[in-house]
Amino acid sequence: MTGATGFIGAHFVERALAEGHDVVGLYRTDGAKHRAVIERLRSHGASLRHGDILNPESFADTLKGADCVCHFAAAFRESGADDAYFQRMNVEGTSNVARAAAAAGIKRFVHCGTAGIYGQRVAGTISESTPIRPWNSYERSKLAADKRVREIASDAGMEFVILRPTAVYGPRDERLLKLFRSVQKGRFPLFGAGDGRRHMIYVTDLADAFLRACTAPKAGNQELIIAGPKAVPLREMLQTIAHAANRPVFGPRLPLKPMLALAAVVEDTCKMLKIHPPIYRRRMDFYLNDAAFDSRRAQAVLGWQPKVDLAEGFAATLSALRQERQGTAVTVAQALVFLTLISILAPDL
């Protein structure tokens, strides 16, 4: 698998190991933030290798003897990234991994796509037959990567499975970290009525779907939406987080239209000044998105079902954040004690 130290990838490794599978994980970054993840996964029995999906020679040998390849590594809405960056990472990188898998005789290639390709505001309920309407560089690159996977797998006679998850959340997720921390403090602003539907999926439910996609007999050459138990309005989602955080309110409620106008002015001004805008149009999409998804096909094909509802998932996510913060506080306190002892015992140093 690729992306072994990422948010979804690391949870998948843990799930696969718990089920008795042998896992060889590829990771690109081994900085301080990732070293703890690497050590934890290795302690559980994972075999992790350093490699880069843009350099096939760095990982080709890791595919030998594998039955299935799961591809998670991707660029995800990085700030300031242009179309070329997403094309390189998500399309060319995916192509490299798929070709290497085909060359190694891999039986099945499981690719992590995204449900976002169906559009950000869609009436009714989205299924696999809904027209595709990607709305940004990331979505377009993931759609192009799906196409490459189908082509390469078809040419090689290799089975593929493309899973398209909705918004993923859970412990160790950094993407929604600011949202959870702001709600914990009762400071997250809701611009507008908050009627737009959010359909999220807890990360362990997603990891389970991917593991089943590796072996389910009916999953070959399928493209499946993976969604949580139900979609809820943004307002209700924020209220559920606040309740899990023991907060009476998630934050202030403010009008949307003035904020949309302000975001446009700030973005255009900062573009002329060649500086990064603190707020911009796409950032306000959070308040405009409205989509619900049907994952019944995935449930039937994979024999899978989402188990974690929002109340349980948000509570677990907030609990993990608290534990992480306490661990950081202990580490800082230990450092201060150590420095104090040094100053007492060796004042001349």
Protein backbone atom coordinates (compact mmCIF):
# COMPACT_ATOMS: atom_id res chain seq x y z
CA MET A 1 0.00 0.00 0.00
CA THR A 2 1.01 3.62 -0.52
CA GLY A 3 0.45 6.51 1.87
CA ALA A 4 1.05 4.28 4.88
CA THR A 5 1.72 7.14 7.31
CA GLY A 6 -1.18 9.31 6.16
CA PHE A 7 -4.43 9.72 8.07
CA ILE A 8 -6.45 7.09 6.18
CA GLY A 9 -3.46 4.93 5.31
CA ALA A 10 -2.29 4.47 8.91
CA HIS A 11 -5.77 3.47 10.05
CA PHE A 12 -5.95 0.98 7.17
CA VAL A 13 -2.60 -0.56 8.19
CA GLU A 14 -3.85 -1.03 11.75
CA ARG A 15 -7.11 -2.59 10.53
CA ALA A 16 -5.37 -4.97 8.12
CA LEU A 17 -2.80 -6.08 10.71
CA ALA A 18 -5.57 -6.70 13.25
CA GLU A 19 -7.19 -9.07 10.73
CA GLY A 20 -3.97 -11.02 10.33
CA HIS A 21 -2.79 -9.66 6.98
CA ASP A 22 0.86 -9.02 6.11
CA VAL A 23 1.23 -5.35 5.18
CA VAL A 24 4.05 -3.67 3.28
CA GLY A 25 3.56 0.09 3.43
CA LEU A 26 5.18 2.79 1.33
CA TYR A 27 5.78 6.26 2.75
CA ARG A 28 7.53 9.31 1.36
CA THR A 29 8.03 11.65 4.32
CA ASP A 30 9.92 10.65 7.45
CA GLY A 31 9.99 13.96 9.30
CA ALA A 32 9.41 14.30 13.04
CA LYS A 33 5.62 14.22 12.68
CA HIS A 34 5.71 10.96 10.71
CA ARG A 35 8.40 9.16 12.72
CA ALA A 36 6.01 8.45 15.60
CA VAL A 37 3.50 6.94 13.16
CA ILE A 38 6.22 4.85 11.52
CA GLU A 39 7.41 3.52 14.88
CA ARG A 40 3.86 2.72 16.01
CA LEU A 41 2.96 0.84 12.84
CA ARG A 42 6.22 -1.10 12.87
CA SER A 43 5.61 -2.07 16.49
CA HIS A 44 2.30 -3.58 15.35
CA GLY A 45 4.06 -5.66 12.70
CA ALA A 46 3.90 -3.55 9.54
CA SER A 47 6.82 -3.59 7.11
CA LEU A 48 7.35 0.03 6.05
CA ARG A 49 9.59 1.18 3.20
CA HIS A 50 10.63 4.64 2.11
CA GLY A 51 9.66 5.47 -1.47
CA ASP A 52 8.16 8.04 -3.80
CA ILE A 53 5.25 7.37 -6.16
CA LEU A 54 6.86 9.76 -8.68
CA ASN A 55 9.92 7.49 -8.75
CA PRO A 56 8.82 3.92 -9.63
CA GLU A 57 12.32 2.56 -9.06
CA SER A 58 12.02 3.49 -5.37
CA PHE A 59 9.16 1.08 -4.71
CA ALA A 60 8.99 -1.53 -7.53
CA ASP A 61 10.67 -4.21 -5.40
CA THR A 62 8.16 -3.78 -2.57
CA LEU A 63 5.35 -5.23 -4.73
CA LYS A 64 6.90 -8.67 -5.06
CA GLY A 65 4.75 -11.38 -3.54
CA ALA A 66 1.75 -9.13 -2.85
CA ASP A 67 -1.80 -10.18 -3.73
CA CYS A 68 -3.27 -6.69 -3.69
CA VAL A 69 -2.11 -3.07 -3.87
CA CYS A 70 -4.03 -0.30 -2.07
CA HIS A 71 -3.19 3.19 -3.29
CA PHE A 72 -3.86 6.01 -0.81
CA ALA A 73 -1.00 8.44 -1.48
CA ALA A 74 -2.26 11.69 -3.02
CA ALA A 75 -2.08 15.45 -2.95
CA PHE A 76 -5.13 16.83 -1.15
CA ARG A 77 -6.05 20.50 -1.59
CA GLU A 78 -2.66 21.79 -0.48
CA SER A 79 -2.65 25.56 -0.14
CA GLY A 80 -1.16 27.30 -3.15
CA ALA A 81 -0.94 24.12 -5.26
CA ASP A 82 -1.65 24.57 -8.96
CA ASP A 83 -3.18 22.24 -11.55
CA ALA A 84 0.24 20.93 -12.57
CA TYR A 85 1.00 19.83 -9.01
CA PHE A 86 -2.22 17.82 -8.70
CA GLN A 87 -1.69 16.37 -12.17
CA ARG A 88 1.80 15.23 -11.24
CA MET A 89 0.98 13.76 -7.82
CA ASN A 90 -2.48 12.34 -8.36
CA VAL A 91 -2.47 11.36 -12.03
CA GLU A 92 1.15 10.55 -12.84
CA GLY A 93 1.82 9.17 -9.36
CA THR A 94 -1.22 6.90 -9.53
CA SER A 95 -0.25 5.77 -13.03
CA ASN A 96 3.23 4.84 -11.80
CA VAL A 97 1.85 2.71 -8.97
CA ALA A 98 -0.75 1.02 -11.20
CA ARG A 99 1.82 0.19 -13.90
CA ALA A 100 4.24 -1.20 -11.31
CA ALA A 101 1.43 -3.32 -9.85
CA ALA A 102 0.54 -4.68 -13.28
CA ALA A 103 4.18 -5.46 -14.03
CA ALA A 104 4.48 -7.33 -10.72
CA GLY A 105 1.48 -9.50 -11.53
CA ILE A 106 -0.73 -8.06 -8.78
CA LYS A 107 -4.21 -9.58 -8.86
CA ARG A 108 -6.18 -6.55 -7.66
CA PHE A 109 -5.52 -2.81 -7.50
CA VAL A 110 -7.63 -0.84 -4.99
CA HIS A 111 -7.61 2.90 -5.55
CA CYS A 112 -8.79 5.64 -3.18
CA GLY A 113 -10.82 8.10 -5.23
CA THR A 114 -13.21 10.74 -3.89
CA ALA A 115 -16.98 11.22 -3.84
CA GLY A 116 -16.35 14.91 -4.42
CA ILE A 117 -16.23 14.33 -8.18
CA TYR A 118 -20.05 14.31 -8.25
CA GLY A 119 -20.25 17.99 -7.31
CA GLN A 120 -20.38 20.21 -4.25
CA ARG A 121 -24.08 21.14 -4.42
CA VAL A 122 -26.33 18.38 -5.72
CA ALA A 123 -30.06 18.01 -5.13
CA GLY A 124 -31.42 14.64 -4.03
CA THR A 125 -29.12 11.73 -3.19
CA ILE A 126 -25.95 10.97 -5.13
CA SER A 127 -25.31 7.43 -6.38
CA GLU A 128 -22.75 5.92 -8.75
CA SER A 129 -25.05 6.78 -11.67
CA THR A 130 -25.20 10.51 -10.83
CA PRO A 131 -23.55 12.74 -13.47
CA ILE A 132 -19.97 13.62 -12.58
CA ARG A 133 -19.21 17.32 -12.00
CA PRO A 134 -15.75 17.89 -10.49
CA TRP A 135 -15.37 21.49 -9.31
CA ASN A 136 -11.67 22.07 -8.54
CA SER A 137 -8.17 20.94 -9.47
CA TYR A 138 -8.10 18.22 -6.85
CA GLU A 139 -11.39 16.66 -7.99
CA ARG A 140 -10.38 16.81 -11.65
CA SER A 141 -7.04 15.16 -10.93
CA LYS A 142 -8.69 12.36 -8.95
CA LEU A 143 -11.17 11.75 -11.76
CA ALA A 144 -8.30 11.58 -14.25
CA ALA A 145 -6.49 9.15 -11.93
CA ASP A 146 -9.58 6.91 -11.87
CA LYS A 147 -9.51 6.80 -15.66
CA ARG A 148 -5.82 5.86 -15.70
CA VAL A 149 -6.44 3.05 -13.23
CA ARG A 150 -9.20 1.60 -15.42
CA GLU A 151 -7.06 1.81 -18.56
CA ILE A 152 -3.90 0.33 -17.06
CA ALA A 153 -5.78 -2.46 -15.28
CA SER A 154 -7.77 -3.33 -18.41
CA ASP A 155 -4.65 -3.51 -20.57
CA ALA A 156 -2.90 -5.74 -18.05
CA GLY A 157 -5.84 -7.97 -17.15
CA MET A 158 -5.60 -6.78 -13.54
CA GLU A 159 -8.74 -6.29 -11.44
CA PHE A 160 -9.35 -2.81 -10.06
CA VAL A 161 -11.61 -1.40 -7.37
CA ILE A 162 -12.18 2.34 -7.03
CA LEU A 163 -13.66 3.43 -3.71
CA ARG A 164 -14.99 6.99 -3.49
CA PRO A 165 -15.26 8.07 0.15
CA THR A 166 -17.20 11.09 1.34
CA ALA A 167 -15.63 13.47 3.89
CA VAL A 168 -13.50 11.39 6.26
CA TYR A 169 -12.96 12.23 9.94
CA GLY A 170 -11.66 10.60 13.10
CA PRO A 171 -8.67 10.48 15.47
CA ARG A 172 -5.40 11.87 14.07
CA ASP A 173 -7.14 13.85 11.32
CA GLU A 174 -5.38 17.19 10.89
CA ARG A 175 -7.63 18.53 8.14
CA LEU A 176 -10.56 19.20 10.49
CA LEU A 177 -8.39 19.95 13.52
CA LYS A 178 -9.18 23.68 13.54
CA LEU A 179 -12.91 23.02 13.29
CA PHE A 180 -12.95 20.68 16.29
CA ARG A 181 -10.76 22.95 18.41
CA SER A 182 -12.86 26.01 17.57
CA VAL A 183 -16.11 24.22 18.45
CA GLN A 184 -14.53 23.01 21.70
CA LYS A 185 -14.01 26.67 22.61
CA GLY A 186 -17.46 27.71 21.42
CA ARG A 187 -15.91 29.95 18.77
CA PHE A 188 -16.74 28.35 15.42
CA PRO A 189 -18.80 30.78 13.31
CA LEU A 190 -21.72 29.58 11.23
CA PHE A 191 -22.29 31.87 8.28
CA GLY A 192 -25.80 31.48 6.95
CA ALA A 193 -28.52 29.02 7.96
CA GLY A 194 -26.32 25.92 7.77
CA ASP A 195 -28.91 23.92 5.83
CA GLY A 196 -26.41 22.32 3.42
CA ARG A 197 -26.06 18.58 4.01
CA ARG A 198 -22.79 16.99 5.12
CA HIS A 199 -22.23 13.28 4.67
CA MET A 200 -19.20 12.16 6.63
CA ILE A 201 -17.64 8.77 7.29
CA TYR A 202 -15.61 7.68 10.29
CA VAL A 203 -12.10 6.59 9.38
CA THR A 204 -12.30 3.06 10.82
CA ASP A 205 -15.47 2.39 8.81
CA LEU A 206 -13.59 3.52 5.71
CA ALA A 207 -10.57 1.35 6.54
CA ASP A 208 -12.91 -1.63 6.88
CA ALA A 209 -14.41 -0.91 3.43
CA PHE A 210 -10.95 -0.80 1.85
CA LEU A 211 -9.89 -4.05 3.49
CA ARG A 212 -13.01 -5.76 2.20
CA ALA A 213 -12.36 -4.32 -1.26
CA CYS A 214 -9.08 -6.25 -1.31
CA THR A 215 -10.79 -9.63 -1.08
CA ALA A 216 -14.53 -9.39 -1.79
CA PRO A 217 -15.18 -11.60 -4.87
CA LYS A 218 -17.81 -9.27 -6.36
CA ALA A 219 -15.74 -6.10 -5.96
CA GLY A 220 -13.54 -6.59 -9.03
CA ASN A 221 -13.82 -3.76 -11.59
CA GLN A 222 -16.33 -1.84 -9.45
CA GLU A 223 -16.50 1.87 -8.61
CA LEU A 224 -18.23 2.38 -5.26
CA ILE A 225 -19.30 5.29 -3.07
CA ILE A 226 -18.37 4.86 0.61
CA ALA A 227 -20.45 7.01 2.98
CA GLY A 228 -21.37 7.14 6.65
CA PRO A 229 -24.77 6.22 8.16
CA LYS A 230 -26.53 9.46 7.16
CA ALA A 231 -26.17 13.01 5.90
CA VAL A 232 -27.03 15.90 8.23
CA PRO A 233 -27.29 19.68 7.79
CA LEU A 234 -24.10 21.58 8.64
CA ARG A 235 -25.92 23.23 11.56
CA GLU A 236 -26.74 19.84 13.07
CA MET A 237 -23.21 18.58 12.51
CA LEU A 238 -21.76 21.52 14.45
CA GLN A 239 -24.31 21.07 17.22
CA THR A 240 -23.34 17.39 17.52
CA ILE A 241 -19.66 18.30 17.88
CA ALA A 242 -20.54 20.93 20.50
CA HIS A 243 -22.58 18.38 22.45
CA ALA A 244 -19.68 15.92 22.37
CA ALA A 245 -17.43 18.72 23.67
CA ASN A 246 -19.92 19.60 26.45
CA ARG A 247 -20.46 23.02 24.94
CA PRO A 248 -23.89 24.68 24.89
CA VAL A 249 -23.15 26.33 21.52
CA PHE A 250 -20.60 25.83 18.77
CA GLY A 251 -20.12 29.56 18.15
CA PRO A 252 -21.75 32.69 16.73
CA ARG A 253 -24.23 32.71 13.85
CA LEU A 254 -23.60 35.36 11.22
CA PRO A 255 -24.99 36.36 7.79
CA LEU A 256 -23.36 34.63 4.81
CA LYS A 257 -23.60 37.12 1.94
CA PRO A 258 -21.36 39.85 3.47
CA MET A 259 -18.71 37.21 4.20
CA LEU A 260 -18.80 35.91 0.63
CA ALA A 261 -18.25 39.45 -0.66
CA LEU A 262 -15.41 40.02 1.81
CA ALA A 263 -13.71 36.76 0.82
CA ALA A 264 -13.82 37.78 -2.86
CA VAL A 265 -12.35 41.25 -2.16
CA VAL A 266 -9.59 39.87 0.07
CA GLU A 267 -8.66 37.14 -2.42
CA ASP A 268 -8.49 39.52 -5.38
CA THR A 269 -6.51 42.13 -3.42
CA CYS A 270 -4.00 39.61 -2.12
CA LYS A 271 -3.60 38.19 -5.61
CA MET A 272 -2.60 41.62 -6.91
CA LEU A 273 -0.20 42.04 -3.98
CA LYS A 274 1.14 38.49 -4.55
CA ILE A 275 0.53 37.41 -0.98
CA HIS A 276 -1.42 34.44 0.41
CA PRO A 277 -4.99 35.50 1.32
CA PRO A 278 -6.16 34.72 4.88
CA ILE A 279 -9.66 34.12 3.49
CA TYR A 280 -10.73 33.30 -0.06
CA ARG A 281 -13.71 32.11 -2.11
CA ARG A 282 -12.97 28.37 -1.92
CA ARG A 283 -12.65 28.54 1.86
CA MET A 284 -16.25 29.70 2.02
CA ASP A 285 -17.37 26.59 0.10
CA PHE A 286 -17.55 24.92 3.50
CA TYR A 287 -20.74 26.89 4.16
CA LEU A 288 -22.18 26.32 0.68
CA ASN A 289 -21.67 22.59 0.13
CA ASP A 290 -24.80 20.44 0.05
CA ALA A 291 -24.65 16.73 -0.83
CA ALA A 292 -25.92 13.37 0.42
CA PHE A 293 -24.74 9.98 -0.83
CA ASP A 294 -26.11 6.47 -1.34
CA SER A 295 -23.63 3.71 -0.43
CA ARG A 296 -26.02 0.76 -0.83
CA ARG A 297 -24.08 -0.65 -3.78
CA ALA A 298 -20.89 -0.77 -1.71
CA GLN A 299 -22.76 -2.39 1.15
CA ALA A 300 -24.07 -5.12 -1.15
CA VAL A 301 -20.84 -5.72 -3.06
CA LEU A 302 -18.46 -5.60 -0.09
CA GLY A 303 -20.72 -7.05 2.58
CA TRP A 304 -19.93 -3.83 4.46
CA GLN A 305 -21.89 -1.35 6.51
CA PRO A 306 -20.90 1.88 8.30
CA LYS A 307 -21.13 1.36 12.04
CA VAL A 308 -20.08 4.66 13.64
CA ASP A 309 -22.63 7.47 13.76
CA LEU A 310 -21.69 11.13 14.13
CA ALA A 311 -22.27 11.37 17.88
CA GLU A 312 -20.01 8.40 18.60
CA GLY A 313 -17.42 9.40 16.01
CA PHE A 314 -17.18 13.02 17.14
CA ALA A 315 -16.86 11.93 20.78
CA ALA A 316 -13.99 9.57 19.89
CA THR A 317 -12.28 12.25 17.80
CA LEU A 318 -12.48 14.84 20.59
CA SER A 319 -11.25 12.29 23.13
CA ALA A 320 -8.20 11.60 20.96
CA LEU A 321 -7.52 15.34 20.65
CA ARG A 322 -7.63 15.73 24.43
CA GLN A 323 -5.24 12.82 24.93
CA GLU A 324 -2.88 14.24 22.34
CA ARG A 325 -2.93 17.64 24.04
CA GLN A 326 -2.30 16.07 27.45
CA GLY A 327 0.61 14.11 26.01
CA THR A 328 2.10 17.30 24.58
CA ALA A 329 1.65 19.06 27.91
CA VAL A 330 3.46 16.24 29.72
CA THR A 331 6.31 16.36 27.22
CA VAL A 332 6.72 20.13 27.69
CA ALA A 333 6.58 19.75 31.46
CA GLN A 334 9.26 17.04 31.35
CA ALA A 335 11.47 19.30 29.23
CA LEU A 336 11.08 22.17 31.70
CA VAL A 337 11.99 19.92 34.64
CA PHE A 338 15.04 18.66 32.74
CA LEU A 339 16.21 22.20 31.93
CA THR A 340 15.67 23.27 35.55
CA LEU A 341 17.78 20.37 36.81
CA ILE A 342 20.51 21.21 34.33
CA SER A 343 20.56 24.84 35.47
CA ILE A 344 20.86 23.74 39.11
CA LEU A 345 23.43 21.00 38.66
CA ALA A 346 25.50 22.67 35.97
CA PRO A 347 24.93 26.45 36.25
CA ASP A 348 27.99 27.30 34.13
CA LEU A 349 26.74 25.41 31.03
